[in-house]
Amino acid sequence: MTSAVDHVRTTLTAHGHVGGITELPAPAPTAAAAAELLDCPVGAIANSLVFEADGAPLLIVASGGHRVDLKKAAAHVGVRKVRRATPEFVLEATGQQVGGVAPVGHPAPLRTLVDTALADHDQVWAGGGVPHAMFRTTFAELLSLTGGEAVAVGA
């Protein structure tokens, strides 16, 4: 059986990403925990957050430095309501557990918004499919990897 990390690694390799996946010494289920383990600003952590947008999955890759403005996200994607997805919904949409969701490596592409605040950092760190794995990337590469739209999503 292929693991979530393997799916992420395969996707990264297929897109020419050369940095690989970094295994952390402990799980990092929050941006603050990841920033501490990686010795980087919390704003450089690219949180992959799955929401339910009128029943469909919506992935928002947000800077760990702020919260997502759900009304702004709903207006941008043209739906009535965006709400936090249940862990079961996240697993079904991504094949990954909450706390370790990566922006890539999902069973099918997800509509994705990438937070423009991540562009403030030369390097950002994104989840690797499990809570103790991350990969280094850039804002531009995240847009390319995910096919996402650059949007200011912060509250």
N, C-alpha and C. Protein backbone atom coordinates (compact mmCIF):
# COMPACT_ATOMS: atom_id res chain seq x y z
N MET A 1 0.84 -1.18 0.00
CA MET A 1 0.00 0.00 0.00
C MET A 1 0.89 1.25 0.00
N THR A 2 0.56 2.21 -0.84
CA THR A 2 1.34 3.42 -0.95
C THR A 2 0.92 4.41 0.12
N SER A 3 1.90 5.04 0.77
CA SER A 3 1.60 5.99 1.84
C SER A 3 1.33 7.38 1.28
N ALA A 4 0.76 8.23 2.13
CA ALA A 4 0.49 9.62 1.74
C ALA A 4 1.78 10.32 1.36
N VAL A 5 2.86 10.05 2.09
CA VAL A 5 4.16 10.67 1.78
C VAL A 5 4.64 10.24 0.40
N ASP A 6 4.44 8.97 0.06
CA ASP A 6 4.83 8.49 -1.27
C ASP A 6 4.06 9.21 -2.37
N HIS A 7 2.77 9.44 -2.15
CA HIS A 7 1.97 10.18 -3.13
C HIS A 7 2.49 11.60 -3.30
N VAL A 8 2.83 12.24 -2.19
CA VAL A 8 3.38 13.60 -2.23
C VAL A 8 4.71 13.59 -2.97
N ARG A 9 5.59 12.67 -2.60
CA ARG A 9 6.91 12.57 -3.23
C ARG A 9 6.79 12.35 -4.74
N THR A 10 5.89 11.47 -5.15
CA THR A 10 5.68 11.19 -6.57
C THR A 10 5.22 12.45 -7.31
N THR A 11 4.30 13.19 -6.71
CA THR A 11 3.82 14.42 -7.33
C THR A 11 4.94 15.46 -7.43
N LEU A 12 5.69 15.62 -6.37
CA LEU A 12 6.80 16.59 -6.38
C LEU A 12 7.81 16.23 -7.46
N THR A 13 8.19 14.97 -7.52
CA THR A 13 9.17 14.52 -8.51
C THR A 13 8.65 14.74 -9.93
N ALA A 14 7.38 14.45 -10.16
CA ALA A 14 6.79 14.63 -11.49
C ALA A 14 6.81 16.09 -11.93
N HIS A 15 6.80 17.00 -10.96
CA HIS A 15 6.83 18.44 -11.27
C HIS A 15 8.24 19.02 -11.23
N GLY A 16 9.25 18.17 -11.07
CA GLY A 16 10.63 18.64 -11.09
C GLY A 16 11.13 19.22 -9.80
N HIS A 17 10.40 19.03 -8.72
CA HIS A 17 10.85 19.52 -7.41
C HIS A 17 12.05 18.68 -6.97
N VAL A 18 13.14 19.34 -6.59
CA VAL A 18 14.36 18.61 -6.26
C VAL A 18 14.69 18.60 -4.77
N GLY A 19 13.94 19.30 -3.96
CA GLY A 19 14.28 19.42 -2.55
C GLY A 19 13.96 18.22 -1.69
N GLY A 20 13.07 17.36 -2.14
CA GLY A 20 12.71 16.19 -1.34
C GLY A 20 11.83 16.55 -0.16
N ILE A 21 11.57 15.56 0.66
CA ILE A 21 10.73 15.72 1.84
C ILE A 21 11.60 15.57 3.07
N THR A 22 11.42 16.48 4.02
CA THR A 22 12.18 16.47 5.27
C THR A 22 11.35 15.80 6.35
N GLU A 23 11.95 14.79 6.99
CA GLU A 23 11.28 14.15 8.11
C GLU A 23 11.66 14.90 9.38
N LEU A 24 10.66 15.35 10.11
CA LEU A 24 10.88 16.11 11.34
C LEU A 24 11.08 15.17 12.52
N PRO A 25 11.76 15.63 13.58
CA PRO A 25 11.98 14.77 14.74
C PRO A 25 10.73 14.52 15.57
N ALA A 26 9.68 15.30 15.30
CA ALA A 26 8.41 15.15 16.03
C ALA A 26 7.28 15.62 15.12
N PRO A 27 6.06 15.20 15.40
CA PRO A 27 4.94 15.70 14.60
C PRO A 27 4.82 17.22 14.73
N ALA A 28 4.34 17.85 13.67
CA ALA A 28 4.14 19.30 13.66
C ALA A 28 2.74 19.59 13.13
N PRO A 29 1.71 19.33 13.94
CA PRO A 29 0.35 19.49 13.47
C PRO A 29 -0.14 20.94 13.37
N THR A 30 0.65 21.89 13.88
CA THR A 30 0.29 23.30 13.79
C THR A 30 1.43 24.08 13.16
N ALA A 31 1.10 25.27 12.66
CA ALA A 31 2.13 26.13 12.06
C ALA A 31 3.18 26.52 13.09
N ALA A 32 2.76 26.81 14.30
CA ALA A 32 3.71 27.20 15.34
C ALA A 32 4.68 26.06 15.65
N ALA A 33 4.17 24.84 15.75
CA ALA A 33 5.03 23.69 16.02
C ALA A 33 6.01 23.47 14.87
N ALA A 34 5.53 23.58 13.64
CA ALA A 34 6.40 23.39 12.48
C ALA A 34 7.47 24.47 12.43
N ALA A 35 7.10 25.71 12.65
CA ALA A 35 8.06 26.81 12.62
C ALA A 35 9.15 26.62 13.66
N GLU A 36 8.77 26.15 14.83
CA GLU A 36 9.76 25.91 15.88
C GLU A 36 10.73 24.80 15.48
N LEU A 37 10.20 23.71 14.95
CA LEU A 37 11.05 22.59 14.54
C LEU A 37 11.96 22.95 13.36
N LEU A 38 11.48 23.82 12.47
CA LEU A 38 12.24 24.18 11.27
C LEU A 38 13.04 25.47 11.44
N ASP A 39 12.89 26.12 12.58
CA ASP A 39 13.59 27.37 12.88
C ASP A 39 13.35 28.41 11.77
N CYS A 40 12.06 28.64 11.50
CA CYS A 40 11.67 29.62 10.49
C CYS A 40 10.49 30.43 11.03
N PRO A 41 10.17 31.55 10.39
CA PRO A 41 9.01 32.33 10.84
C PRO A 41 7.71 31.54 10.63
N VAL A 42 6.76 31.71 11.54
CA VAL A 42 5.49 31.00 11.42
C VAL A 42 4.78 31.38 10.12
N GLY A 43 4.99 32.59 9.63
CA GLY A 43 4.38 33.01 8.37
C GLY A 43 4.91 32.28 7.16
N ALA A 44 6.05 31.61 7.30
CA ALA A 44 6.65 30.84 6.19
C ALA A 44 6.14 29.40 6.15
N ILE A 45 5.23 29.06 7.06
CA ILE A 45 4.62 27.73 7.04
C ILE A 45 3.37 27.81 6.17
N ALA A 46 3.31 26.97 5.17
CA ALA A 46 2.18 26.94 4.23
C ALA A 46 1.20 25.87 4.71
N ASN A 47 0.20 26.29 5.46
CA ASN A 47 -0.81 25.36 5.97
C ASN A 47 -1.75 24.94 4.86
N SER A 48 -1.90 23.65 4.65
CA SER A 48 -2.86 23.13 3.67
C SER A 48 -4.14 22.82 4.42
N LEU A 49 -5.12 23.68 4.24
CA LEU A 49 -6.39 23.58 4.96
C LEU A 49 -7.50 23.24 3.98
N VAL A 50 -8.24 22.20 4.29
CA VAL A 50 -9.34 21.79 3.42
C VAL A 50 -10.64 22.29 4.02
N PHE A 51 -11.42 22.93 3.15
CA PHE A 51 -12.73 23.46 3.53
C PHE A 51 -13.78 22.83 2.64
N GLU A 52 -15.02 22.96 3.07
CA GLU A 52 -16.16 22.53 2.27
C GLU A 52 -16.81 23.79 1.71
N ALA A 53 -16.83 23.92 0.40
CA ALA A 53 -17.39 25.08 -0.28
C ALA A 53 -18.67 24.64 -0.99
N ASP A 54 -19.80 24.87 -0.35
CA ASP A 54 -21.08 24.40 -0.87
C ASP A 54 -21.02 22.93 -1.26
N GLY A 55 -20.38 22.13 -0.42
CA GLY A 55 -20.32 20.68 -0.62
C GLY A 55 -19.10 20.16 -1.34
N ALA A 56 -18.34 21.04 -1.99
CA ALA A 56 -17.15 20.61 -2.73
C ALA A 56 -15.89 20.93 -1.93
N PRO A 57 -14.84 20.12 -2.08
CA PRO A 57 -13.61 20.44 -1.36
C PRO A 57 -12.92 21.67 -1.95
N LEU A 58 -12.38 22.47 -1.07
CA LEU A 58 -11.59 23.65 -1.44
C LEU A 58 -10.34 23.63 -0.58
N LEU A 59 -9.18 23.60 -1.22
CA LEU A 59 -7.91 23.62 -0.51
C LEU A 59 -7.41 25.05 -0.46
N ILE A 60 -7.13 25.54 0.74
CA ILE A 60 -6.53 26.86 0.89
C ILE A 60 -5.17 26.66 1.53
N VAL A 61 -4.13 27.04 0.81
CA VAL A 61 -2.76 26.96 1.32
C VAL A 61 -2.48 28.34 1.91
N ALA A 62 -2.57 28.42 3.23
CA ALA A 62 -2.51 29.69 3.93
C ALA A 62 -1.23 29.85 4.72
N SER A 63 -0.77 31.08 4.81
CA SER A 63 0.37 31.39 5.67
C SER A 63 0.00 31.06 7.11
N GLY A 64 0.93 30.45 7.81
CA GLY A 64 0.71 30.15 9.23
C GLY A 64 0.61 31.38 10.09
N GLY A 65 0.86 32.55 9.51
CA GLY A 65 0.86 33.80 10.27
C GLY A 65 -0.51 34.40 10.50
N HIS A 66 -1.55 33.83 9.90
CA HIS A 66 -2.89 34.39 10.12
C HIS A 66 -3.98 33.36 9.85
N ARG A 67 -5.20 33.76 10.14
CA ARG A 67 -6.37 32.90 9.91
C ARG A 67 -6.96 33.18 8.53
N VAL A 68 -7.70 32.22 8.01
CA VAL A 68 -8.36 32.37 6.71
C VAL A 68 -9.68 33.11 6.92
N ASP A 69 -9.94 34.10 6.08
CA ASP A 69 -11.21 34.83 6.07
C ASP A 69 -12.17 34.03 5.20
N LEU A 70 -13.07 33.29 5.83
CA LEU A 70 -13.96 32.39 5.11
C LEU A 70 -14.95 33.14 4.21
N LYS A 71 -15.39 34.31 4.61
CA LYS A 71 -16.30 35.10 3.77
C LYS A 71 -15.58 35.57 2.51
N LYS A 72 -14.34 35.99 2.66
CA LYS A 72 -13.54 36.42 1.51
C LYS A 72 -13.31 35.24 0.56
N ALA A 73 -13.01 34.06 1.12
CA ALA A 73 -12.79 32.87 0.29
C ALA A 73 -14.07 32.50 -0.46
N ALA A 74 -15.21 32.54 0.23
CA ALA A 74 -16.49 32.20 -0.41
C ALA A 74 -16.79 33.16 -1.56
N ALA A 75 -16.57 34.44 -1.34
CA ALA A 75 -16.81 35.43 -2.39
C ALA A 75 -15.89 35.18 -3.58
N HIS A 76 -14.64 34.84 -3.30
CA HIS A 76 -13.68 34.62 -4.39
C HIS A 76 -14.06 33.41 -5.26
N VAL A 77 -14.50 32.33 -4.63
CA VAL A 77 -14.82 31.13 -5.40
C VAL A 77 -16.27 31.08 -5.86
N GLY A 78 -17.06 32.07 -5.45
CA GLY A 78 -18.43 32.17 -5.92
C GLY A 78 -19.40 31.17 -5.32
N VAL A 79 -19.25 30.92 -4.02
CA VAL A 79 -20.17 30.02 -3.32
C VAL A 79 -20.83 30.77 -2.18
N ARG A 80 -21.91 30.19 -1.67
CA ARG A 80 -22.62 30.82 -0.54
C ARG A 80 -21.82 30.73 0.74
N LYS A 81 -21.22 29.54 0.99
CA LYS A 81 -20.58 29.34 2.28
C LYS A 81 -19.35 28.44 2.16
N VAL A 82 -18.28 28.84 2.84
CA VAL A 82 -17.09 28.02 3.00
C VAL A 82 -16.98 27.72 4.48
N ARG A 83 -16.86 26.45 4.81
CA ARG A 83 -16.71 26.08 6.22
C ARG A 83 -15.65 25.02 6.38
N ARG A 84 -15.10 24.92 7.58
CA ARG A 84 -14.07 23.93 7.88
C ARG A 84 -14.63 22.54 7.63
N ALA A 85 -13.86 21.72 6.96
CA ALA A 85 -14.29 20.35 6.65
C ALA A 85 -14.05 19.43 7.84
N THR A 86 -14.83 18.37 7.90
CA THR A 86 -14.62 17.37 8.95
C THR A 86 -13.37 16.56 8.60
N PRO A 87 -12.76 15.92 9.60
CA PRO A 87 -11.61 15.06 9.32
C PRO A 87 -11.91 13.98 8.27
N GLU A 88 -13.12 13.46 8.28
CA GLU A 88 -13.50 12.42 7.31
C GLU A 88 -13.56 13.00 5.89
N PHE A 89 -14.09 14.20 5.76
CA PHE A 89 -14.18 14.87 4.47
C PHE A 89 -12.77 15.15 3.94
N VAL A 90 -11.88 15.61 4.83
CA VAL A 90 -10.49 15.89 4.45
C VAL A 90 -9.81 14.62 3.96
N LEU A 91 -9.95 13.53 4.70
CA LEU A 91 -9.33 12.27 4.32
C LEU A 91 -9.86 11.79 2.96
N GLU A 92 -11.15 11.89 2.76
CA GLU A 92 -11.73 11.45 1.48
C GLU A 92 -11.22 12.31 0.32
N ALA A 93 -11.11 13.62 0.53
CA ALA A 93 -10.69 14.53 -0.55
C ALA A 93 -9.20 14.45 -0.85
N THR A 94 -8.38 14.19 0.19
CA THR A 94 -6.93 14.29 0.02
C THR A 94 -6.20 12.97 0.16
N GLY A 95 -6.80 11.99 0.82
CA GLY A 95 -6.10 10.75 1.14
C GLY A 95 -5.11 10.95 2.29
N GLN A 96 -5.22 12.08 2.98
CA GLN A 96 -4.29 12.45 4.05
C GLN A 96 -5.09 12.85 5.30
N GLN A 97 -4.47 12.62 6.47
CA GLN A 97 -5.11 12.94 7.74
C GLN A 97 -4.92 14.41 8.09
N VAL A 98 -5.90 14.99 8.77
CA VAL A 98 -5.77 16.35 9.30
C VAL A 98 -4.52 16.42 10.17
N GLY A 99 -3.76 17.50 10.03
CA GLY A 99 -2.53 17.67 10.80
C GLY A 99 -1.29 17.38 9.97
N GLY A 100 -1.48 16.79 8.80
CA GLY A 100 -0.34 16.50 7.94
C GLY A 100 -0.66 16.67 6.46
N VAL A 101 -1.74 17.37 6.16
CA VAL A 101 -2.19 17.50 4.77
C VAL A 101 -1.16 18.29 3.96
N ALA A 102 -0.84 17.75 2.81
CA ALA A 102 0.07 18.40 1.87
C ALA A 102 -0.75 19.14 0.82
N PRO A 103 -0.14 20.09 0.13
CA PRO A 103 -0.85 20.79 -0.93
C PRO A 103 -0.97 19.96 -2.22
N VAL A 104 -0.30 18.81 -2.26
CA VAL A 104 -0.29 17.94 -3.44
C VAL A 104 -0.39 16.48 -3.00
N GLY A 105 -0.48 15.58 -3.99
CA GLY A 105 -0.50 14.15 -3.70
C GLY A 105 -1.88 13.61 -3.40
N HIS A 106 -2.91 14.31 -3.84
CA HIS A 106 -4.29 13.90 -3.58
C HIS A 106 -4.79 12.96 -4.68
N PRO A 107 -5.85 12.21 -4.40
CA PRO A 107 -6.38 11.30 -5.41
C PRO A 107 -6.86 12.02 -6.68
N ALA A 108 -7.36 13.24 -6.54
CA ALA A 108 -7.81 14.05 -7.68
C ALA A 108 -7.47 15.50 -7.37
N PRO A 109 -7.27 16.31 -8.40
CA PRO A 109 -6.96 17.73 -8.17
C PRO A 109 -8.08 18.42 -7.39
N LEU A 110 -7.67 19.33 -6.50
CA LEU A 110 -8.63 20.13 -5.73
C LEU A 110 -8.52 21.58 -6.16
N ARG A 111 -9.64 22.28 -6.20
CA ARG A 111 -9.56 23.72 -6.43
C ARG A 111 -8.74 24.27 -5.27
N THR A 112 -7.75 25.11 -5.61
CA THR A 112 -6.79 25.56 -4.61
C THR A 112 -6.58 27.06 -4.67
N LEU A 113 -6.58 27.68 -3.49
CA LEU A 113 -6.21 29.08 -3.33
C LEU A 113 -4.90 29.09 -2.56
N VAL A 114 -3.92 29.87 -3.05
CA VAL A 114 -2.63 29.97 -2.38
C VAL A 114 -2.50 31.40 -1.86
N ASP A 115 -2.30 31.53 -0.57
CA ASP A 115 -2.23 32.80 0.13
C ASP A 115 -1.07 33.66 -0.38
N THR A 116 -1.37 34.87 -0.82
CA THR A 116 -0.33 35.78 -1.32
C THR A 116 0.65 36.18 -0.22
N ALA A 117 0.28 36.05 1.05
CA ALA A 117 1.21 36.37 2.15
C ALA A 117 2.44 35.46 2.12
N LEU A 118 2.32 34.28 1.52
CA LEU A 118 3.47 33.38 1.43
C LEU A 118 4.55 33.94 0.51
N ALA A 119 4.19 34.84 -0.38
CA ALA A 119 5.17 35.46 -1.29
C ALA A 119 6.14 36.36 -0.54
N ASP A 120 5.83 36.71 0.70
CA ASP A 120 6.72 37.54 1.52
C ASP A 120 7.96 36.78 1.98
N HIS A 121 7.99 35.48 1.76
CA HIS A 121 9.09 34.63 2.23
C HIS A 121 9.80 34.00 1.04
N ASP A 122 11.13 34.05 1.05
CA ASP A 122 11.91 33.43 -0.03
C ASP A 122 11.67 31.93 -0.11
N GLN A 123 11.53 31.31 1.06
CA GLN A 123 11.26 29.87 1.14
C GLN A 123 10.09 29.66 2.08
N VAL A 124 9.25 28.70 1.74
CA VAL A 124 8.16 28.31 2.63
C VAL A 124 8.20 26.80 2.80
N TRP A 125 7.56 26.34 3.85
CA TRP A 125 7.52 24.92 4.16
C TRP A 125 6.08 24.44 4.11
N ALA A 126 5.83 23.37 3.39
CA ALA A 126 4.49 22.80 3.25
C ALA A 126 4.47 21.37 3.76
N GLY A 127 3.29 20.92 4.15
CA GLY A 127 3.12 19.57 4.67
C GLY A 127 3.49 18.50 3.66
N GLY A 128 4.00 17.39 4.18
CA GLY A 128 4.43 16.29 3.33
C GLY A 128 3.51 15.09 3.33
N GLY A 129 2.29 15.25 3.84
CA GLY A 129 1.33 14.15 3.82
C GLY A 129 1.07 13.50 5.16
N VAL A 130 1.97 13.73 6.12
CA VAL A 130 1.83 13.25 7.51
C VAL A 130 2.36 14.34 8.43
N PRO A 131 1.97 14.32 9.72
CA PRO A 131 2.36 15.41 10.63
C PRO A 131 3.86 15.59 10.87
N HIS A 132 4.68 14.63 10.53
CA HIS A 132 6.12 14.74 10.79
C HIS A 132 6.95 14.87 9.51
N ALA A 133 6.31 15.31 8.41
CA ALA A 133 7.05 15.47 7.15
C ALA A 133 6.64 16.78 6.48
N MET A 134 7.64 17.49 5.95
CA MET A 134 7.39 18.75 5.25
C MET A 134 8.37 18.88 4.10
N PHE A 135 8.05 19.76 3.16
CA PHE A 135 9.00 20.03 2.09
C PHE A 135 9.15 21.54 1.90
N ARG A 136 10.37 21.91 1.53
CA ARG A 136 10.69 23.32 1.30
C ARG A 136 10.34 23.67 -0.14
N THR A 137 9.74 24.84 -0.33
CA THR A 137 9.34 25.28 -1.65
C THR A 137 9.30 26.80 -1.69
N THR A 138 8.71 27.34 -2.72
CA THR A 138 8.53 28.78 -2.84
C THR A 138 7.06 29.06 -3.17
N PHE A 139 6.67 30.30 -3.03
CA PHE A 139 5.31 30.70 -3.39
C PHE A 139 5.04 30.37 -4.85
N ALA A 140 5.96 30.73 -5.73
CA ALA A 140 5.77 30.48 -7.17
C ALA A 140 5.65 28.99 -7.45
N GLU A 141 6.48 28.18 -6.80
CA GLU A 141 6.41 26.74 -7.03
C GLU A 141 5.10 26.17 -6.49
N LEU A 142 4.61 26.68 -5.35
CA LEU A 142 3.33 26.21 -4.83
C LEU A 142 2.20 26.46 -5.83
N LEU A 143 2.22 27.64 -6.45
CA LEU A 143 1.21 27.93 -7.47
C LEU A 143 1.30 26.93 -8.61
N SER A 144 2.52 26.63 -9.05
CA SER A 144 2.72 25.69 -10.14
C SER A 144 2.33 24.26 -9.74
N LEU A 145 2.76 23.82 -8.58
CA LEU A 145 2.49 22.47 -8.12
C LEU A 145 1.00 22.19 -7.96
N THR A 146 0.28 23.19 -7.44
CA THR A 146 -1.13 23.00 -7.11
C THR A 146 -2.07 23.44 -8.22
N GLY A 147 -1.57 24.22 -9.18
CA GLY A 147 -2.47 24.83 -10.16
C GLY A 147 -3.39 25.83 -9.48
N GLY A 148 -2.93 26.35 -8.34
CA GLY A 148 -3.74 27.24 -7.53
C GLY A 148 -3.80 28.67 -8.00
N GLU A 149 -4.72 29.39 -7.38
CA GLU A 149 -4.90 30.81 -7.65
C GLU A 149 -4.29 31.60 -6.49
N ALA A 150 -3.53 32.66 -6.81
CA ALA A 150 -2.95 33.52 -5.77
C ALA A 150 -4.04 34.46 -5.27
N VAL A 151 -4.32 34.38 -3.94
CA VAL A 151 -5.38 35.17 -3.34
C VAL A 151 -4.95 35.59 -1.94
N ALA A 152 -5.29 36.82 -1.55
CA ALA A 152 -5.07 37.26 -0.18
C ALA A 152 -6.22 36.66 0.65
N VAL A 153 -5.94 35.65 1.45
CA VAL A 153 -6.98 34.93 2.17
C VAL A 153 -7.03 35.25 3.66
N GLY A 154 -6.08 36.05 4.14
CA GLY A 154 -5.98 36.29 5.57
C GLY A 154 -7.06 37.18 6.15
N ALA A 155 -7.39 36.85 7.41
CA ALA A 155 -8.35 37.66 8.16
C ALA A 155 -7.60 38.73 8.94
